Amino acid sequence: MQGKITLNERGGITIPARMREALGLKANDELVIEDTEQGLLIRPAFSVPIELYTEKRIAEFAADEQAIGKLLPQEGNEPG
């Protein structure tokens, strides 16, 4: 699919509605633009949310791991 876009005085572009709809793009979606050998490439940017762990949350993980460890077969005691 091809379309024509115009660069405005502030550097903004408008992607034609039919292309936005076909690609599932919505207002405020982030895009990445790259300079390639074939020209400019514009593609969706994908973000992955991250969680910053507090000391309390890290302690919860450690406790969970200890509890799970008690349920797992111990080395040398595996059924077989």
Protein backbone atom coordinates (compact mmCIF):
# COMPACT_ATOMS: atom_id res chain seq x y z
CA MET A 1 0.00 0.00 0.00
CA GLN A 2 1.34 3.42 -0.92
CA GLY A 3 0.20 6.89 -0.04
CA LYS A 4 1.37 10.47 -0.27
CA ILE A 5 2.16 12.50 2.83
CA THR A 6 3.13 16.14 3.27
CA LEU A 7 5.62 17.47 5.80
CA ASN A 8 4.24 20.55 7.56
CA GLU A 9 6.28 23.54 8.76
CA ARG A 10 6.71 21.97 12.22
CA GLY A 11 7.96 18.66 10.80
CA GLY A 12 4.72 16.80 11.32
CA ILE A 13 3.23 14.38 8.83
CA THR A 14 -0.27 13.04 8.36
CA ILE A 15 -0.66 9.38 7.49
CA PRO A 16 -3.67 8.87 5.20
CA ALA A 17 -6.76 7.60 7.03
CA ARG A 18 -7.04 4.40 4.98
CA MET A 19 -3.45 3.49 5.91
CA ARG A 20 -3.98 4.27 9.60
CA GLU A 21 -7.11 2.11 9.62
CA ALA A 22 -5.44 -0.76 7.76
CA LEU A 23 -2.48 -0.70 10.16
CA GLY A 24 -4.54 -0.16 13.30
CA LEU A 25 -2.83 3.14 14.13
CA LYS A 26 -4.55 5.57 16.48
CA ALA A 27 -3.94 9.12 17.69
CA ASN A 28 -0.88 9.39 19.95
CA ASP A 29 0.56 6.02 18.87
CA GLU A 30 4.34 6.20 18.84
CA LEU A 31 6.20 5.47 15.61
CA VAL A 32 9.88 4.95 14.86
CA ILE A 33 11.46 6.52 11.78
CA GLU A 34 14.68 5.10 10.37
CA ASP A 35 16.95 6.10 7.52
CA THR A 36 17.58 2.96 5.43
CA GLU A 37 19.31 2.30 2.12
CA GLN A 38 15.87 2.21 0.47
CA GLY A 39 14.77 5.52 2.09
CA LEU A 40 12.80 6.39 5.22
CA LEU A 41 11.12 3.58 7.12
CA ILE A 42 8.28 4.44 9.51
CA ARG A 43 7.03 1.66 11.77
CA PRO A 44 5.13 1.31 15.03
CA ALA A 45 7.18 1.57 18.22
CA PHE A 46 6.51 -1.15 20.76
CA SER A 47 7.01 -0.39 24.43
CA VAL A 48 7.15 -2.93 27.18
CA PRO A 49 6.19 -1.71 30.63
CA ILE A 50 8.68 -2.47 33.37
CA GLU A 51 8.22 -2.74 37.09
CA LEU A 52 10.79 -1.30 39.47
CA TYR A 53 10.95 -3.54 42.52
CA THR A 54 11.06 -2.24 46.07
CA GLU A 55 13.00 -4.12 48.74
CA LYS A 56 9.65 -5.35 50.12
CA ARG A 57 8.67 -6.78 46.70
CA ILE A 58 12.07 -8.48 46.32
CA ALA A 59 11.58 -10.08 49.75
CA GLU A 60 8.17 -11.37 48.58
CA PHE A 61 9.82 -12.99 45.53
CA ALA A 62 12.44 -14.63 47.75
CA ALA A 63 9.77 -16.00 50.08
CA ASP A 64 7.80 -17.36 47.12
CA GLU A 65 10.92 -19.07 45.76
CA GLN A 66 11.58 -20.71 49.14
CA ALA A 67 7.98 -21.95 49.34
CA ILE A 68 8.13 -23.34 45.80
CA GLY A 69 11.50 -24.98 46.53
CA LYS A 70 9.89 -26.98 49.35
CA LEU A 71 7.38 -28.42 46.86
CA LEU A 72 9.94 -29.45 44.23
CA PRO A 73 11.67 -32.83 44.35
CA GLN A 74 15.10 -32.66 45.91
CA GLU A 75 18.11 -33.69 43.85
CA GLY A 76 18.66 -37.43 44.20
CA ASN A 77 15.11 -38.00 45.51
CA GLU A 78 13.39 -37.78 42.15
CA PRO A 79 10.91 -40.50 41.23
CA GLY A 80 12.16 -42.81 38.60
